[in-house]
Amino acid sequence: MRYSNDIGGNTATLQPISVGRRPPVGNNSGVCLARWIPVRKRASYAGGFRRTSCRFEVNTLAAPMPDSLLIQTVSDPIRGSIRPPGSKSLTNRALIVSALAAGETLLSGVLDSGDTRVMIESLGRLGIEVTHDVAAKTARIVGCAGRLPAQSADLWLENSGTSIRFLTAMASLGHGQFRLDGNDRMRERPIEDLVDALKQLDADVACELDTGCPPVAVTANGLNGGTAKISGSVSSQYLSALLMAAPGSKSGVDLQLTGELVSQPYIDMTMGVMARFGVAVDTTTPGCYQVAPQCYQATEYDIEPDATAASYFFAAAAVTGGEVTVNGLSQYSLQGDIGFLEALEKMGCRIDWKSDSVTVHGGELNGIDIDMNAISDTAQTLAAVAVFANGPTTIRNVDHMRHKETDRIEAIRVELERLGIAVDVSDDGFTVHPGPVRPATIETYDDHRMAMSFAIVGLKCPGIQIADPGCTAKTYPHFFDDLQTLCRSND
């Protein structure tokens, strides 16, 4: 069985295993081992579009997850060390920049997850040669020097916000027809601010359903460049997407930010990755980002562990009064979510920093009032910790969480109240009021972070079950195995 898709005269031929509309990515399909090798081949035309075939090799290594998972409580403080998998945010940024670079890049520490698989698959459809060794956690990418090989492609991004936003901007550098779509929730997630900014740079981009959300159609003829105003109030990923694509423009790009920028550390991360591949962003003028036409240069790049994933293990130390060390992270991390440790410190934990590790020592927890705009992906983790604090915890300035994999503010309220915990919701955040926890099955809304954060509550309180634990495959397929291993490390 061949899986057909437009990739502009390039055919990737591999041994197929699955049959269906698309290869399995994420959820419970197992670990994906794939190598896309575009092979130049004359393609036939259908309806004016170049049609070719791809085959995608899938090695199903992981057993399916159950419908729900009972979290085992611990009787003693958790003490141990762990190294989480590579950062999803860094992995997907490095994949985009490597694909646009001149030469062959070697990435190490590469995350294997649903979000990274759809990114690698999509780059293959765009004609980029990517060899992903799951066991070695490496990827080799033969860059296109800013010139996409494919003349058409239909990209399926599941519910990966980074992937669809980064690839929409990347597709505007090409020449041809490109379409990007995802699952039902993706079709509810806004992308209009990015589309509008690309239009200001003379790109032909449109939301097909006129909803301001995917699917997105790109009729590309290179990116002319120029000046564009971009809002950062919904997602910093729009600005990141434009920054990474900007070096491939014809005349350079001047991006002018309008309004408040959420999650500023992610922009710093984007510019850090770009710099590693030889491209600098001029930020001399506040609120302006200027990028001259240039080409990324291939390199070797080691991806550090995911700081957001690490937050769950830091939280485990906090709620059990334990001591957990995460290896591979330091206070100099590119990832803004390392700032989660400041929140734990304010609540009463002690933090020990070393050059290549950080240790959290749990202590008596006190409620805090905190602005988490810059580290909102860890707000659910802090909400779980807040259940065990002395006094309420207020998390502010995170209204943009409503536009993530689910409406995370509403999901936190519903699930904490299911546990018997009172929650007050405000215009831009929420307050958690600690209290006795009752057993419950936590709904996860196909949101990996709901599953991982609420599992922390189950370490202290019996009877907590996580529905659809397999949703963690989006960013951390082996999370529950790693959590169990850490909990057993002091047996």
Protein backbone atom coordinates (compact mmCIF):
# COMPACT_ATOMS: atom_id res chain seq x y z
CA MET A 1 0.00 0.00 0.00
CA ARG A 2 1.36 3.40 -0.96
CA TYR A 3 0.45 6.55 0.88
CA SER A 4 -0.01 9.32 -1.70
CA ASN A 5 0.93 12.93 -1.18
CA ASP A 6 2.24 15.89 -3.16
CA ILE A 7 5.95 16.42 -2.68
CA GLY A 8 6.85 18.00 -5.97
CA GLY A 9 8.70 15.43 -7.99
CA ASN A 10 10.38 13.75 -5.05
CA THR A 11 9.50 10.25 -3.95
CA ALA A 12 10.44 8.86 -0.56
CA THR A 13 10.37 5.05 -0.73
CA LEU A 14 10.35 3.02 2.46
CA GLN A 15 8.79 -0.19 3.68
CA PRO A 16 5.14 0.49 4.60
CA ILE A 17 3.55 -1.16 7.62
CA SER A 18 0.32 0.71 8.22
CA VAL A 19 -2.65 1.14 5.90
CA GLY A 20 -4.90 4.17 6.03
CA ARG A 21 -5.18 7.84 5.26
CA ARG A 22 -1.87 8.65 6.93
CA PRO A 23 0.81 6.85 8.94
CA PRO A 24 0.24 6.64 12.69
CA VAL A 25 1.72 9.54 14.60
CA GLY A 26 1.32 10.11 18.30
CA ASN A 27 -1.50 8.68 20.43
CA ASN A 28 -1.04 4.94 21.02
CA SER A 29 0.64 4.00 17.76
CA GLY A 30 4.03 3.32 19.32
CA VAL A 31 7.46 4.67 18.60
CA CYS A 32 8.00 5.84 15.07
CA LEU A 33 11.27 5.05 13.30
CA ALA A 34 11.42 6.72 9.92
CA ARG A 35 13.78 7.79 7.21
CA TRP A 36 12.56 10.09 4.46
CA ILE A 37 14.86 10.04 1.42
CA PRO A 38 13.54 12.11 -1.48
CA VAL A 39 14.53 10.48 -4.77
CA ARG A 40 14.35 12.60 -7.91
CA LYS A 41 11.75 11.10 -10.19
CA ARG A 42 9.53 12.29 -13.02
CA ALA A 43 6.03 12.75 -11.65
CA SER A 44 2.67 12.76 -13.36
CA TYR A 45 0.25 15.66 -13.10
CA ALA A 46 -3.36 15.56 -11.95
CA GLY A 47 -5.51 18.66 -11.99
CA GLY A 48 -2.48 20.90 -12.34
CA PHE A 49 -0.77 19.53 -9.21
CA ARG A 50 2.29 17.33 -9.16
CA ARG A 51 1.32 13.97 -7.66
CA THR A 52 3.79 11.50 -6.30
CA SER A 53 3.78 8.77 -3.69
CA CYS A 54 5.47 8.39 -0.32
CA ARG A 55 5.92 5.45 1.92
CA PHE A 56 6.58 5.80 5.58
CA GLU A 57 8.21 3.13 7.73
CA VAL A 58 6.74 2.71 11.18
CA ASN A 59 8.19 0.48 13.86
CA THR A 60 5.62 -0.14 16.58
CA LEU A 61 7.73 -0.60 19.68
CA ALA A 62 5.57 0.66 22.54
CA ALA A 63 2.59 -1.18 23.97
CA PRO A 64 -0.75 0.66 23.80
CA MET A 65 -1.74 2.58 26.91
CA PRO A 66 -4.88 1.63 28.87
CA ASP A 67 -8.03 3.73 28.73
CA SER A 68 -7.25 5.00 32.23
CA LEU A 69 -4.30 4.69 34.58
CA LEU A 70 -4.40 4.57 38.39
CA ILE A 71 -1.55 6.61 39.86
CA GLN A 72 0.22 4.79 42.69
CA THR A 73 0.73 6.87 45.81
CA VAL A 74 4.12 7.02 47.50
CA SER A 75 4.57 6.56 51.23
CA ASP A 76 7.96 8.27 51.45
CA PRO A 77 9.46 11.41 49.92
CA ILE A 78 10.69 10.79 46.38
CA ARG A 79 14.47 10.87 46.05
CA GLY A 80 16.24 10.26 42.78
CA SER A 81 17.51 11.67 39.51
CA ILE A 82 16.27 11.67 35.95
CA ARG A 83 17.02 13.12 32.52
CA PRO A 84 13.83 13.93 30.59
CA PRO A 85 13.80 13.58 26.80
CA GLY A 86 14.87 16.43 24.55
CA SER A 87 12.93 19.66 24.44
CA LYS A 88 10.00 19.62 22.04
CA SER A 89 10.27 23.35 21.49
CA LEU A 90 13.97 23.16 20.69
CA THR A 91 13.58 20.01 18.58
CA ASN A 92 10.94 21.50 16.29
CA ARG A 93 12.80 24.79 15.96
CA ALA A 94 16.05 23.00 15.17
CA LEU A 95 14.30 20.82 12.58
CA ILE A 96 12.90 23.87 10.77
CA VAL A 97 16.19 25.79 10.78
CA SER A 98 18.18 22.69 9.77
CA ALA A 99 15.83 22.10 6.85
CA LEU A 100 16.39 25.67 5.62
CA ALA A 101 20.17 25.56 6.12
CA ALA A 102 22.89 24.95 3.56
CA GLY A 103 24.54 21.59 4.16
CA GLU A 104 23.90 18.59 6.41
CA THR A 105 23.08 19.08 10.08
CA LEU A 106 23.38 16.52 12.86
CA LEU A 107 20.97 17.00 15.76
CA SER A 108 21.46 15.03 18.97
CA GLY A 109 19.11 14.70 21.93
CA VAL A 110 16.16 14.75 19.51
CA LEU A 111 12.75 14.18 21.08
CA ASP A 112 10.63 11.37 19.65
CA SER A 113 6.98 12.27 20.19
CA GLY A 114 3.76 12.90 18.31
CA ASP A 115 4.59 16.57 17.73
CA THR A 116 8.09 15.87 16.43
CA ARG A 117 6.94 12.99 14.25
CA VAL A 118 4.43 15.12 12.39
CA MET A 119 7.14 17.74 11.89
CA ILE A 120 9.60 15.20 10.47
CA GLU A 121 6.92 13.65 8.30
CA SER A 122 5.93 17.06 6.93
CA LEU A 123 9.51 18.03 6.15
CA GLY A 124 9.75 14.82 4.15
CA ARG A 125 6.68 15.83 2.16
CA LEU A 126 8.34 19.16 1.45
CA GLY A 127 11.24 17.26 -0.11
CA ILE A 128 13.68 17.58 2.79
CA GLU A 129 15.86 14.54 3.49
CA VAL A 130 15.58 13.63 7.17
CA THR A 131 17.05 10.53 8.81
CA HIS A 132 15.73 10.08 12.33
CA ASP A 133 17.37 7.45 14.54
CA VAL A 134 14.94 7.06 17.43
CA ALA A 135 17.20 4.80 19.50
CA ALA A 136 20.21 7.12 19.18
CA LYS A 137 18.02 10.24 19.59
CA THR A 138 19.64 11.81 16.53
CA ALA A 139 18.48 13.30 13.27
CA ARG A 140 20.43 14.10 10.12
CA ILE A 141 18.89 16.77 7.92
CA VAL A 142 20.10 17.70 4.46
CA GLY A 143 19.10 21.34 4.21
CA CYS A 144 17.63 22.99 1.12
CA ALA A 145 19.50 26.31 1.50
CA GLY A 146 16.20 28.17 1.72
CA ARG A 147 14.74 26.69 -1.50
CA LEU A 148 12.01 24.11 -0.81
CA PRO A 149 12.28 21.15 -3.23
CA ALA A 150 8.55 20.37 -3.27
CA GLN A 151 6.17 22.21 -5.57
CA SER A 152 3.11 21.01 -3.67
CA ALA A 153 2.34 19.24 -0.42
CA ASP A 154 -0.60 18.36 1.79
CA LEU A 155 0.57 18.45 5.42
CA TRP A 156 -1.30 16.87 8.31
CA LEU A 157 -0.24 18.24 11.71
CA GLU A 158 -2.65 16.53 14.13
CA ASN A 159 -2.85 19.05 17.03
CA SER A 160 0.75 20.31 16.93
CA GLY A 161 0.58 24.09 17.16
CA THR A 162 4.32 24.60 16.74
CA SER A 163 4.36 22.44 13.62
CA ILE A 164 1.47 24.04 11.76
CA ARG A 165 2.58 27.60 12.57
CA PHE A 166 6.26 27.08 11.79
CA LEU A 167 5.52 25.16 8.59
CA THR A 168 2.99 27.72 7.33
CA ALA A 169 5.69 30.41 7.38
CA MET A 170 8.25 27.99 5.93
CA ALA A 171 5.91 27.03 3.07
CA SER A 172 5.69 30.70 2.04
CA LEU A 173 9.34 30.47 0.97
CA GLY A 174 8.51 27.80 -1.61
CA HIS A 175 7.06 27.88 -5.09
CA GLY A 176 3.79 26.03 -5.46
CA GLN A 177 0.65 24.94 -3.65
CA PHE A 178 0.72 23.87 -0.01
CA ARG A 179 -2.09 22.96 2.36
CA LEU A 180 -1.81 22.51 6.14
CA ASP A 181 -4.52 20.95 8.30
CA GLY A 182 -5.02 19.05 11.54
CA ASN A 183 -7.57 17.38 13.77
CA ASP A 184 -10.81 18.86 15.07
CA ARG A 185 -9.14 20.77 17.91
CA MET A 186 -6.53 22.17 15.52
CA ARG A 187 -9.36 23.58 13.44
CA GLU A 188 -10.37 25.58 16.53
CA ARG A 189 -6.90 26.99 17.25
CA PRO A 190 -6.25 30.50 15.90
CA ILE A 191 -3.66 31.18 13.21
CA GLU A 192 -5.10 34.34 11.66
CA ASP A 193 -2.51 36.70 13.17
CA LEU A 194 0.25 34.73 11.42
CA VAL A 195 -1.70 34.61 8.16
CA ASP A 196 -2.26 38.39 8.26
CA ALA A 197 1.43 39.06 8.90
CA LEU A 198 2.47 36.83 5.99
CA LYS A 199 0.04 38.68 3.74
CA GLN A 200 1.75 41.95 4.70
CA LEU A 201 4.96 40.36 3.40
CA ASP A 202 3.18 39.67 0.05
CA ALA A 203 2.55 35.99 0.72
CA ASP A 204 -0.63 34.41 -0.65
CA VAL A 205 -1.99 32.66 2.45
CA ALA A 206 -5.59 32.02 3.49
CA CYS A 207 -7.63 30.20 6.11
CA GLU A 208 -9.82 28.00 3.90
CA LEU A 209 -12.90 28.04 6.14
CA ASP A 210 -12.75 31.79 6.92
CA THR A 211 -12.62 30.99 10.64
CA GLY A 212 -9.14 32.34 11.34
CA CYS A 213 -8.11 28.76 12.06
CA PRO A 214 -6.71 25.89 9.94
CA PRO A 215 -6.86 24.49 7.32
CA VAL A 216 -4.43 26.94 5.73
CA ALA A 217 -3.72 27.21 2.00
CA VAL A 218 -0.44 28.70 0.80
CA THR A 219 0.12 29.62 -2.86
CA ALA A 220 3.82 30.34 -2.66
CA ASN A 221 6.11 32.27 -4.97
CA GLY A 222 8.89 33.02 -2.53
CA LEU A 223 8.59 35.51 0.30
CA ASN A 224 9.16 39.10 -0.84
CA GLY A 225 9.73 40.47 2.63
CA GLY A 226 9.13 44.01 3.84
CA THR A 227 7.47 45.26 7.00
CA ALA A 228 4.73 43.48 8.91
CA LYS A 229 2.90 44.19 12.14
CA ILE A 230 2.32 41.08 14.23
CA SER A 231 0.27 40.55 17.36
CA GLY A 232 1.84 38.47 20.09
CA SER A 233 -1.11 38.43 22.48
CA VAL A 234 -2.42 34.96 21.52
CA SER A 235 0.75 33.00 20.83
CA SER A 236 4.46 33.72 20.58
CA GLN A 237 4.65 30.96 17.96
CA TYR A 238 3.48 33.39 15.26
CA LEU A 239 6.50 35.61 15.78
CA SER A 240 8.82 32.60 16.06
CA ALA A 241 7.49 31.23 12.78
CA LEU A 242 8.10 34.52 10.97
CA LEU A 243 11.57 34.95 12.45
CA MET A 244 12.74 31.51 11.32
CA ALA A 245 11.41 31.99 7.79
CA ALA A 246 12.61 35.61 7.46
CA PRO A 247 16.23 34.90 6.37
CA GLY A 248 14.87 33.27 3.22
CA SER A 249 12.98 36.39 2.11
CA LYS A 250 14.01 38.36 -0.97
CA SER A 251 14.44 41.77 0.65
CA GLY A 252 14.62 41.18 4.39
CA VAL A 253 11.90 41.37 7.01
CA ASP A 254 11.06 44.00 9.63
CA LEU A 255 8.58 42.62 12.18
CA GLN A 256 6.87 45.15 14.44
CA LEU A 257 5.16 43.79 17.51
CA THR A 258 1.73 45.14 18.44
CA GLY A 259 0.41 44.74 21.97
CA GLU A 260 1.76 42.50 24.69
CA LEU A 261 3.89 39.51 23.75
CA VAL A 262 3.02 36.32 25.63
CA SER A 263 5.77 33.83 26.45
CA GLN A 264 8.75 36.09 25.66
CA PRO A 265 11.25 33.34 26.59
CA TYR A 266 10.14 31.33 23.56
CA ILE A 267 11.20 34.20 21.28
CA ASP A 268 14.56 34.29 23.01
CA MET A 269 14.79 30.54 22.41
CA THR A 270 13.97 30.97 18.72
CA MET A 271 16.65 33.62 18.27
CA GLY A 272 19.11 31.45 20.17
CA VAL A 273 18.58 28.54 17.77
CA MET A 274 18.84 30.86 14.77
CA ALA A 275 22.14 32.22 16.09
CA ARG A 276 23.49 28.68 16.48
CA PHE A 277 22.93 28.29 12.72
CA GLY A 278 24.62 31.59 11.89
CA VAL A 279 21.69 34.03 11.65
CA ALA A 280 21.35 37.07 13.90
CA VAL A 281 18.19 39.08 14.56
CA ASP A 282 18.51 42.85 15.04
CA THR A 283 16.48 43.85 18.10
CA THR A 284 18.03 47.29 18.57
CA THR A 285 14.62 48.99 18.35
CA PRO A 286 12.29 47.83 21.16
CA GLY A 287 9.37 45.82 19.80
CA CYS A 288 11.02 45.41 16.38
CA TYR A 289 12.78 42.37 14.93
CA GLN A 290 14.81 42.89 11.75
CA VAL A 291 16.25 40.02 9.71
CA ALA A 292 18.36 40.52 6.56
CA PRO A 293 18.31 38.02 3.65
CA GLN A 294 20.83 35.27 4.39
CA CYS A 295 21.19 31.51 4.63
CA TYR A 296 21.42 29.32 7.68
CA GLN A 297 24.59 27.21 7.87
CA ALA A 298 24.46 23.54 8.81
CA THR A 299 26.03 22.57 12.11
CA GLU A 300 25.96 20.00 14.91
CA TYR A 301 23.47 20.88 17.61
CA ASP A 302 22.73 19.13 20.92
CA ILE A 303 19.16 19.58 22.19
CA GLU A 304 18.87 19.93 25.95
CA PRO A 305 16.23 18.07 28.00
CA ASP A 306 12.72 19.48 28.01
CA ALA A 307 12.33 21.96 30.87
CA THR A 308 8.54 21.76 30.75
CA ALA A 309 8.68 17.98 31.10
CA ALA A 310 11.14 18.43 33.95
CA SER A 311 8.55 20.54 35.81
CA TYR A 312 6.53 17.40 36.63
CA PHE A 313 9.51 15.78 38.37
CA PHE A 314 10.35 19.01 40.17
CA ALA A 315 6.71 19.08 41.30
CA ALA A 316 6.98 15.47 42.52
CA ALA A 317 9.79 16.53 44.84
CA ALA A 318 7.76 19.52 46.03
CA VAL A 319 4.53 17.68 46.90
CA THR A 320 6.24 14.68 48.55
CA GLY A 321 8.88 16.67 50.41
CA GLY A 322 11.52 14.79 48.46
CA GLU A 323 14.69 15.53 46.54
CA VAL A 324 14.79 15.18 42.74
CA THR A 325 17.70 16.01 40.45
CA VAL A 326 17.17 16.66 36.74
CA ASN A 327 20.33 16.16 34.72
CA GLY A 328 21.14 18.14 31.60
CA LEU A 329 19.52 21.42 32.67
CA SER A 330 21.06 24.51 34.22
CA GLN A 331 20.17 28.11 34.98
CA TYR A 332 21.64 29.00 31.57
CA SER A 333 19.07 26.92 29.69
CA LEU A 334 17.58 28.40 26.51
CA GLN A 335 14.16 27.32 27.75
CA GLY A 336 12.15 29.86 29.66
CA ASP A 337 10.23 27.17 31.54
CA ILE A 338 13.27 26.67 33.74
CA GLY A 339 11.70 29.69 35.48
CA PHE A 340 9.20 27.27 37.01
CA LEU A 341 11.83 26.66 39.68
CA GLU A 342 11.50 30.25 40.86
CA ALA A 343 7.82 29.58 41.52
CA LEU A 344 8.66 26.49 43.59
CA GLU A 345 11.29 28.43 45.47
CA LYS A 346 8.71 31.10 46.36
CA MET A 347 6.40 28.35 47.61
CA GLY A 348 9.06 27.03 49.98
CA CYS A 349 11.31 24.61 48.06
CA ARG A 350 15.09 24.83 47.99
CA ILE A 351 16.83 24.82 44.61
CA ASP A 352 20.44 23.71 44.10
CA TRP A 353 21.99 24.66 40.76
CA LYS A 354 25.01 22.97 39.22
CA SER A 355 26.65 23.36 35.82
CA ASP A 356 24.70 20.49 34.26
CA SER A 357 21.93 19.65 36.72
CA VAL A 358 19.44 21.14 39.12
CA THR A 359 17.98 19.66 42.31
CA VAL A 360 14.70 20.51 44.02
CA HIS A 361 14.37 19.88 47.75
CA GLY A 362 10.75 19.86 48.86
CA GLY A 363 9.69 21.86 51.89
CA GLU A 364 6.57 23.20 53.54
CA LEU A 365 4.54 24.73 50.71
CA ASN A 366 2.85 28.10 50.91
CA GLY A 367 0.42 29.60 48.45
CA ILE A 368 1.69 32.41 46.22
CA ASP A 369 0.43 35.05 43.79
CA ILE A 370 2.36 34.77 40.53
CA ASP A 371 2.38 36.09 36.95
CA MET A 372 3.02 33.03 34.72
CA ASN A 373 2.62 34.72 31.34
CA ALA A 374 6.17 33.82 30.33
CA ILE A 375 5.97 30.19 31.50
CA SER A 376 2.31 29.32 30.99
CA ASP A 377 3.01 25.74 29.90
CA THR A 378 3.93 25.03 33.52
CA ALA A 379 0.79 26.65 34.98
CA GLN A 380 -0.99 23.29 35.14
CA THR A 381 1.99 21.84 37.01
CA LEU A 382 1.87 24.65 39.56
CA ALA A 383 -1.89 24.18 39.91
CA ALA A 384 -1.22 20.57 40.95
CA VAL A 385 1.39 21.69 43.50
CA ALA A 386 -0.99 24.38 44.81
CA VAL A 387 -3.40 21.68 45.98
CA PHE A 388 -0.94 20.89 48.80
CA ALA A 389 0.01 24.44 49.82
CA ASN A 390 -0.88 26.35 52.94
CA GLY A 391 -3.23 28.97 51.55
CA PRO A 392 -4.48 29.81 48.07
CA THR A 393 -2.33 30.20 44.97
CA THR A 394 -3.26 32.72 42.27
CA ILE A 395 -1.90 32.32 38.74
CA ARG A 396 -2.31 35.46 36.63
CA ASN A 397 -1.81 36.77 33.09
CA VAL A 398 -2.33 33.41 31.36
CA ASP A 399 -5.51 34.00 29.37
CA HIS A 400 -3.75 32.74 26.23
CA MET A 401 -3.88 29.24 27.77
CA ARG A 402 -7.44 29.06 26.51
CA HIS A 403 -6.08 28.63 22.96
CA LYS A 404 -3.81 25.66 23.63
CA GLU A 405 -4.57 21.95 23.08
CA THR A 406 -7.71 22.63 25.09
CA ASP A 407 -9.06 25.58 27.08
CA ARG A 408 -6.59 24.89 29.86
CA ILE A 409 -8.03 27.35 32.37
CA GLU A 410 -11.48 25.78 32.13
CA ALA A 411 -10.01 22.27 32.16
CA ILE A 412 -8.04 23.01 35.33
CA ARG A 413 -11.16 24.39 37.01
CA VAL A 414 -13.34 21.41 36.09
CA GLU A 415 -10.82 18.75 37.07
CA LEU A 416 -9.73 20.34 40.34
CA GLU A 417 -13.37 20.73 41.32
CA ARG A 418 -13.84 17.05 40.43
CA LEU A 419 -11.20 16.39 43.11
CA GLY A 420 -13.08 18.57 45.60
CA ILE A 421 -10.73 21.55 45.27
CA ALA A 422 -12.32 25.00 44.94
CA VAL A 423 -11.12 27.17 42.04
CA ASP A 424 -11.94 30.80 41.26
CA VAL A 425 -11.54 31.80 37.61
CA SER A 426 -10.74 35.40 36.67
CA ASP A 427 -10.44 37.16 33.33
CA ASP A 428 -6.79 36.23 32.95
CA GLY A 429 -6.15 33.32 35.31
CA PHE A 430 -7.38 31.39 38.32
CA THR A 431 -6.95 30.81 42.06
CA VAL A 432 -6.59 27.37 43.66
CA HIS A 433 -7.90 26.93 47.22
CA PRO A 434 -6.30 23.88 48.90
CA GLY A 435 -8.48 21.34 50.64
CA PRO A 436 -9.12 17.61 51.09
CA VAL A 437 -8.78 15.64 47.85
CA ARG A 438 -11.31 12.99 46.92
CA PRO A 439 -10.70 10.09 44.51
CA ALA A 440 -11.63 10.76 40.89
CA THR A 441 -10.85 9.96 37.29
CA ILE A 442 -9.27 13.01 35.67
CA GLU A 443 -10.40 13.83 32.15
CA THR A 444 -7.47 14.98 30.01
CA TYR A 445 -9.16 16.50 26.92
CA ASP A 446 -6.49 15.05 24.61
CA ASP A 447 -4.06 17.41 26.36
CA HIS A 448 -0.75 15.87 27.36
CA ARG A 449 -0.10 18.47 30.04
CA MET A 450 -3.39 17.77 31.82
CA ALA A 451 -2.40 14.11 32.13
CA MET A 452 1.15 14.74 33.37
CA SER A 453 0.35 17.53 35.82
CA PHE A 454 -2.62 15.83 37.49
CA ALA A 455 -0.60 12.62 37.87
CA ILE A 456 1.41 14.56 40.46
CA VAL A 457 -1.69 14.88 42.65
CA GLY A 458 -2.00 11.09 42.59
CA LEU A 459 1.43 10.66 44.16
CA LYS A 460 -0.01 12.00 47.44
CA CYS A 461 -3.72 11.20 47.19
CA PRO A 462 -5.08 7.68 46.61
CA GLY A 463 -7.70 6.90 43.98
CA ILE A 464 -6.54 9.32 41.28
CA GLN A 465 -6.91 7.88 37.80
CA ILE A 466 -5.81 9.56 34.57
CA ALA A 467 -8.12 9.07 31.60
CA ASP A 468 -6.49 8.58 28.20
CA PRO A 469 -2.92 8.48 29.52
CA GLY A 470 -1.73 7.81 25.96
CA CYS A 471 -2.26 11.49 25.14
CA THR A 472 1.19 12.12 26.62
CA ALA A 473 2.64 10.69 23.39
CA LYS A 474 2.27 14.19 21.98
CA THR A 475 5.45 15.29 23.77
CA TYR A 476 6.50 12.55 26.22
CA PRO A 477 5.49 9.00 25.22
CA HIS A 478 7.25 7.33 28.16
CA PHE A 479 6.27 9.80 30.87
CA PHE A 480 4.44 7.35 33.11
CA ASP A 481 7.26 4.79 32.84
CA ASP A 482 9.78 7.45 33.86
CA LEU A 483 7.60 8.68 36.73
CA GLN A 484 7.23 5.11 38.03
CA THR A 485 10.97 4.53 37.76
CA LEU A 486 11.69 7.72 39.71
CA CYS A 487 9.18 6.78 42.40
CA ARG A 488 10.83 3.37 42.79
CA SER A 489 14.36 4.75 42.90
CA ASN A 490 14.24 5.09 46.68
CA ASP A 491 12.74 1.65 47.34
